[in-house]
Amino acid sequence: MAFLLVIAGHQTTVNLVANGVHALLTRPAQLAAVRADASLIPGLVEEVLRCESPFGIATLRYTTEPVTIEGTAIPAGEFVQIALLAANRDPEVFPDPDRFDVTRDASGHLAFGHGIHHCLGAPLARLQAGIAFTHLLRRFPALRLAAPATAPAWQDNPRHRGLLTLPVRLH
């Protein structure tokens, strides 16, 4: 199981940290808030998971019985998949869902799944991301994008969502 946690969690944690660094560096007020108050780091991790998730879509599932969701009937045995980025921006759950806010209570996000399918590595990913953000911001107070902010280029992968590159300046 330890091998599974390390292998399965590597790319997603790399993407979590990179997506979070990009989110902060393109939102100066949020970056300033986190630099001024390290107690916001856990909120930063949760908001990155919600708003800039390293996961695009959930694992494939099949319905075991007929179900109706928002007026759409889905028969038993039908293949279903959840677009996590859409679910994590539901305005009924997250007011002003497209706004990135490290002070938001983002604990209702579905980045790690839910119920019996909740990710086993979630605590480890949160811990690693929190440590990475803490030390990056402390060690590199001048951390910034290497070029003016442009539309990021994302990996062409519907399951894992990460940047192709993130050029930064450390000093």
C-alpha atoms as a PDB file:
ATOM      1  CA  MET A   1       0.000   0.000   0.000  1.00  0.00           C
ATOM      2  CA  ALA A   2       2.891   2.397   0.702  1.00  0.00           C
ATOM      3  CA  PHE A   3       4.095   1.919  -2.883  1.00  0.00           C
ATOM      4  CA  LEU A   4       0.612   2.764  -4.188  1.00  0.00           C
ATOM      5  CA  LEU A   5       0.472   5.934  -2.072  1.00  0.00           C
ATOM      6  CA  VAL A   6       3.847   7.119  -3.353  1.00  0.00           C
ATOM      7  CA  ILE A   7       3.330   6.265  -7.031  1.00  0.00           C
ATOM      8  CA  ALA A   8      -0.335   7.265  -7.296  1.00  0.00           C
ATOM      9  CA  GLY A   9       0.217  10.497  -5.429  1.00  0.00           C
ATOM     10  CA  HIS A  10       3.410  11.754  -7.041  1.00  0.00           C
ATOM     11  CA  GLN A  11       2.110  13.468 -10.192  1.00  0.00           C
ATOM     12  CA  THR A  12      -1.043  14.758  -8.539  1.00  0.00           C
ATOM     13  CA  THR A  13       0.932  16.310  -5.675  1.00  0.00           C
ATOM     14  CA  VAL A  14       3.415  17.885  -8.108  1.00  0.00           C
ATOM     15  CA  ASN A  15       0.438  19.347  -9.991  1.00  0.00           C
ATOM     16  CA  LEU A  16      -1.207  20.489  -6.744  1.00  0.00           C
ATOM     17  CA  VAL A  17       1.889  22.467  -5.755  1.00  0.00           C
ATOM     18  CA  ALA A  18       2.544  23.881  -9.251  1.00  0.00           C
ATOM     19  CA  ASN A  19      -1.117  24.837  -9.735  1.00  0.00           C
ATOM     20  CA  GLY A  20      -1.056  26.503  -6.321  1.00  0.00           C
ATOM     21  CA  VAL A  21       2.126  28.448  -7.025  1.00  0.00           C
ATOM     22  CA  HIS A  22       0.628  29.643 -10.318  1.00  0.00           C
ATOM     23  CA  ALA A  23      -2.627  30.592  -8.572  1.00  0.00           C
ATOM     24  CA  LEU A  24      -0.743  32.679  -6.010  1.00  0.00           C
ATOM     25  CA  LEU A  25       1.646  34.325  -8.450  1.00  0.00           C
ATOM     26  CA  THR A  26      -1.232  35.442 -10.655  1.00  0.00           C
ATOM     27  CA  ARG A  27      -3.227  36.786  -7.693  1.00  0.00           C
ATOM     28  CA  PRO A  28      -0.975  39.246  -5.835  1.00  0.00           C
ATOM     29  CA  ALA A  29      -3.490  40.027  -3.073  1.00  0.00           C
ATOM     30  CA  GLN A  30      -3.821  36.337  -2.208  1.00  0.00           C
ATOM     31  CA  LEU A  31      -0.034  35.911  -2.290  1.00  0.00           C
ATOM     32  CA  ALA A  32       0.399  38.897   0.036  1.00  0.00           C
ATOM     33  CA  ALA A  33      -2.211  37.525   2.437  1.00  0.00           C
ATOM     34  CA  VAL A  34      -0.504  34.123   2.667  1.00  0.00           C
ATOM     35  CA  ARG A  35       2.947  35.702   3.043  1.00  0.00           C
ATOM     36  CA  ALA A  36       1.613  37.898   5.868  1.00  0.00           C
ATOM     37  CA  ASP A  37      -0.180  35.069   7.664  1.00  0.00           C
ATOM     38  CA  ALA A  38       1.188  31.522   7.415  1.00  0.00           C
ATOM     39  CA  SER A  39      -1.926  30.228   9.199  1.00  0.00           C
ATOM     40  CA  LEU A  40      -3.664  30.657   5.807  1.00  0.00           C
ATOM     41  CA  ILE A  41      -1.576  27.826   4.270  1.00  0.00           C
ATOM     42  CA  PRO A  42      -4.158  25.082   5.038  1.00  0.00           C
ATOM     43  CA  GLY A  43      -6.853  27.271   3.465  1.00  0.00           C
ATOM     44  CA  LEU A  44      -4.582  27.814   0.468  1.00  0.00           C
ATOM     45  CA  VAL A  45      -4.210  24.050   0.020  1.00  0.00           C
ATOM     46  CA  GLU A  46      -7.979  23.512   0.160  1.00  0.00           C
ATOM     47  CA  GLU A  47      -8.701  26.407  -2.206  1.00  0.00           C
ATOM     48  CA  VAL A  48      -6.161  25.116  -4.735  1.00  0.00           C
ATOM     49  CA  LEU A  49      -7.775  21.677  -4.504  1.00  0.00           C
ATOM     50  CA  ARG A  50     -11.162  23.265  -5.108  1.00  0.00           C
ATOM     51  CA  CYS A  51     -10.411  25.936  -7.685  1.00  0.00           C
ATOM     52  CA  GLU A  52      -7.221  24.759  -9.440  1.00  0.00           C
ATOM     53  CA  SER A  53      -7.486  21.047  -8.752  1.00  0.00           C
ATOM     54  CA  PRO A  54      -4.834  18.633 -10.029  1.00  0.00           C
ATOM     55  CA  PHE A  55      -7.718  16.296 -10.857  1.00  0.00           C
ATOM     56  CA  GLY A  56      -9.909  16.932 -13.887  1.00  0.00           C
ATOM     57  CA  ILE A  57     -12.408  14.108 -13.750  1.00  0.00           C
ATOM     58  CA  ALA A  58     -13.189  11.412 -11.222  1.00  0.00           C
ATOM     59  CA  THR A  59     -12.593   7.702 -11.717  1.00  0.00           C
ATOM     60  CA  LEU A  60     -15.092   5.975 -13.966  1.00  0.00           C
ATOM     61  CA  ARG A  61     -18.128   4.509 -12.242  1.00  0.00           C
ATOM     62  CA  TYR A  62     -21.241   2.621 -13.272  1.00  0.00           C
ATOM     63  CA  THR A  63     -24.687   3.148 -11.835  1.00  0.00           C
ATOM     64  CA  THR A  64     -25.973   0.152  -9.881  1.00  0.00           C
ATOM     65  CA  GLU A  65     -29.594   1.247 -10.112  1.00  0.00           C
ATOM     66  CA  PRO A  66     -31.588   3.848 -12.033  1.00  0.00           C
ATOM     67  CA  VAL A  67     -31.088   7.382 -10.736  1.00  0.00           C
ATOM     68  CA  THR A  68     -32.286  10.858 -11.691  1.00  0.00           C
ATOM     69  CA  ILE A  69     -29.889  13.774 -11.244  1.00  0.00           C
ATOM     70  CA  GLU A  70     -31.104  17.315 -11.889  1.00  0.00           C
ATOM     71  CA  GLY A  71     -33.912  15.965 -14.060  1.00  0.00           C
ATOM     72  CA  THR A  72     -31.728  13.623 -16.106  1.00  0.00           C
ATOM     73  CA  ALA A  73     -32.595   9.927 -15.849  1.00  0.00           C
ATOM     74  CA  ILE A  74     -29.601   7.599 -15.789  1.00  0.00           C
ATOM     75  CA  PRO A  75     -30.383   3.881 -16.140  1.00  0.00           C
ATOM     76  CA  ALA A  76     -28.686   1.120 -14.150  1.00  0.00           C
ATOM     77  CA  GLY A  77     -25.391  -0.050 -15.607  1.00  0.00           C
ATOM     78  CA  GLU A  78     -24.623   3.299 -17.233  1.00  0.00           C
ATOM     79  CA  PHE A  79     -21.085   4.654 -17.296  1.00  0.00           C
ATOM     80  CA  VAL A  80     -20.780   7.942 -15.347  1.00  0.00           C
ATOM     81  CA  GLN A  81     -17.998  10.345 -14.601  1.00  0.00           C
ATOM     82  CA  ILE A  82     -17.877  13.510 -12.528  1.00  0.00           C
ATOM     83  CA  ALA A  83     -16.193  16.661 -13.813  1.00  0.00           C
ATOM     84  CA  LEU A  84     -14.543  17.630 -10.537  1.00  0.00           C
ATOM     85  CA  LEU A  85     -13.674  21.139 -11.663  1.00  0.00           C
ATOM     86  CA  ALA A  86     -17.346  21.804 -12.402  1.00  0.00           C
ATOM     87  CA  ALA A  87     -18.537  20.210  -9.157  1.00  0.00           C
ATOM     88  CA  ASN A  88     -16.024  22.252  -7.159  1.00  0.00           C
ATOM     89  CA  ARG A  89     -17.393  25.466  -8.681  1.00  0.00           C
ATOM     90  CA  ASP A  90     -21.028  24.811  -7.840  1.00  0.00           C
ATOM     91  CA  PRO A  91     -22.429  28.203  -6.752  1.00  0.00           C
ATOM     92  CA  GLU A  92     -24.893  26.479  -4.423  1.00  0.00           C
ATOM     93  CA  VAL A  93     -21.937  25.132  -2.435  1.00  0.00           C
ATOM     94  CA  PHE A  94     -19.329  27.847  -3.008  1.00  0.00           C
ATOM     95  CA  PRO A  95     -20.573  31.456  -3.289  1.00  0.00           C
ATOM     96  CA  ASP A  96     -18.741  33.353  -6.043  1.00  0.00           C
ATOM     97  CA  PRO A  97     -17.186  30.037  -7.132  1.00  0.00           C
ATOM     98  CA  ASP A  98     -14.778  31.416  -9.740  1.00  0.00           C
ATOM     99  CA  ARG A  99     -13.068  33.677  -7.212  1.00  0.00           C
ATOM    100  CA  PHE A 100      -9.886  32.201  -5.708  1.00  0.00           C
ATOM    101  CA  ASP A 101      -9.912  33.004  -1.981  1.00  0.00           C
ATOM    102  CA  VAL A 102      -7.531  31.429   0.534  1.00  0.00           C
ATOM    103  CA  THR A 103      -9.816  32.530   3.396  1.00  0.00           C
ATOM    104  CA  ARG A 104     -12.812  30.621   1.995  1.00  0.00           C
ATOM    105  CA  ASP A 105     -14.085  27.470   3.702  1.00  0.00           C
ATOM    106  CA  ALA A 106     -13.386  25.140   0.774  1.00  0.00           C
ATOM    107  CA  SER A 107     -13.742  21.966   2.840  1.00  0.00           C
ATOM    108  CA  GLY A 108     -16.742  20.771   0.801  1.00  0.00           C
ATOM    109  CA  HIS A 109     -14.709  20.259  -2.383  1.00  0.00           C
ATOM    110  CA  LEU A 110     -14.615  16.869  -4.100  1.00  0.00           C
ATOM    111  CA  ALA A 111     -10.989  16.876  -5.266  1.00  0.00           C
ATOM    112  CA  PHE A 112     -10.254  13.689  -3.316  1.00  0.00           C
ATOM    113  CA  GLY A 113     -13.593  12.026  -4.000  1.00  0.00           C
ATOM    114  CA  HIS A 114     -16.162  11.178  -1.372  1.00  0.00           C
ATOM    115  CA  GLY A 115     -17.368   8.285   0.754  1.00  0.00           C
ATOM    116  CA  ILE A 116     -15.820   4.862   0.256  1.00  0.00           C
ATOM    117  CA  HIS A 117     -13.926   6.161  -2.774  1.00  0.00           C
ATOM    118  CA  HIS A 118     -12.234   9.008  -0.879  1.00  0.00           C
ATOM    119  CA  CYS A 119      -8.524   9.118  -1.735  1.00  0.00           C
ATOM    120  CA  LEU A 120      -6.344   7.261   0.759  1.00  0.00           C
ATOM    121  CA  GLY A 121      -3.488   9.658   0.117  1.00  0.00           C
ATOM    122  CA  ALA A 122      -5.465  12.847   0.822  1.00  0.00           C
ATOM    123  CA  PRO A 123      -3.807  13.547   4.213  1.00  0.00           C
ATOM    124  CA  LEU A 124      -0.339  12.975   2.737  1.00  0.00           C
ATOM    125  CA  ALA A 125      -1.048  15.241  -0.259  1.00  0.00           C
ATOM    126  CA  ARG A 126      -2.341  18.000   2.022  1.00  0.00           C
ATOM    127  CA  LEU A 127       0.710  17.680   4.267  1.00  0.00           C
ATOM    128  CA  GLN A 128       3.172  17.715   1.352  1.00  0.00           C
ATOM    129  CA  ALA A 129       1.503  20.700  -0.324  1.00  0.00           C
ATOM    130  CA  GLY A 130       1.381  22.665   2.929  1.00  0.00           C
ATOM    131  CA  ILE A 131       5.069  22.030   3.566  1.00  0.00           C
ATOM    132  CA  ALA A 132       5.970  22.943  -0.026  1.00  0.00           C
ATOM    133  CA  PHE A 133       4.013  26.218   0.043  1.00  0.00           C
ATOM    134  CA  THR A 134       5.379  27.154   3.471  1.00  0.00           C
ATOM    135  CA  HIS A 135       9.000  26.602   2.506  1.00  0.00           C
ATOM    136  CA  LEU A 136       8.762  28.066  -1.009  1.00  0.00           C
ATOM    137  CA  LEU A 137       7.267  31.300   0.286  1.00  0.00           C
ATOM    138  CA  ARG A 138       9.681  31.513   3.224  1.00  0.00           C
ATOM    139  CA  ARG A 139      12.823  30.613   1.263  1.00  0.00           C
ATOM    140  CA  PHE A 140      12.027  32.730  -1.817  1.00  0.00           C
ATOM    141  CA  PRO A 141      10.409  36.013  -0.769  1.00  0.00           C
ATOM    142  CA  ALA A 142      10.902  37.383  -4.307  1.00  0.00           C
ATOM    143  CA  LEU A 143       9.279  34.360  -6.000  1.00  0.00           C
ATOM    144  CA  ARG A 144       7.480  35.571  -9.117  1.00  0.00           C
ATOM    145  CA  LEU A 145       6.572  34.521 -12.639  1.00  0.00           C
ATOM    146  CA  ALA A 146       9.551  34.665 -15.015  1.00  0.00           C
ATOM    147  CA  ALA A 147       7.431  36.311 -17.704  1.00  0.00           C
ATOM    148  CA  PRO A 148       4.266  38.406 -17.600  1.00  0.00           C
ATOM    149  CA  ALA A 149       1.184  36.372 -16.765  1.00  0.00           C
ATOM    150  CA  THR A 150      -0.262  34.742 -19.842  1.00  0.00           C
ATOM    151  CA  ALA A 151      -2.836  32.022 -20.304  1.00  0.00           C
ATOM    152  CA  PRO A 152      -1.218  28.893 -18.878  1.00  0.00           C
ATOM    153  CA  ALA A 153      -0.648  25.839 -21.060  1.00  0.00           C
ATOM    154  CA  TRP A 154      -2.180  22.787 -19.397  1.00  0.00           C
ATOM    155  CA  GLN A 155      -1.264  19.128 -19.884  1.00  0.00           C
ATOM    156  CA  ASP A 156      -3.509  17.392 -22.398  1.00  0.00           C
ATOM    157  CA  ASN A 157      -4.893  14.877 -19.918  1.00  0.00           C
ATOM    158  CA  PRO A 158      -8.523  14.818 -18.763  1.00  0.00           C
ATOM    159  CA  ARG A 159      -7.727  12.991 -15.503  1.00  0.00           C
ATOM    160  CA  HIS A 160      -4.672  14.862 -14.278  1.00  0.00           C
ATOM    161  CA  ARG A 161      -4.658  18.641 -14.527  1.00  0.00           C
ATOM    162  CA  GLY A 162      -1.273  20.290 -14.411  1.00  0.00           C
ATOM    163  CA  LEU A 163       0.741  22.970 -16.120  1.00  0.00           C
ATOM    164  CA  LEU A 164       3.134  22.049 -18.922  1.00  0.00           C
ATOM    165  CA  THR A 165       5.616  24.609 -17.605  1.00  0.00           C
ATOM    166  CA  LEU A 166       5.784  27.181 -14.834  1.00  0.00           C
ATOM    167  CA  PRO A 167       8.791  29.463 -15.393  1.00  0.00           C
ATOM    168  CA  VAL A 168       9.505  31.414 -12.206  1.00  0.00           C
ATOM    169  CA  ARG A 169      12.230  33.674 -10.848  1.00  0.00           C
ATOM    170  CA  LEU A 170      13.422  32.871  -7.355  1.00  0.00           C
ATOM    171  CA  HIS A 171      15.475  36.002  -6.632  1.00  0.00           C
END
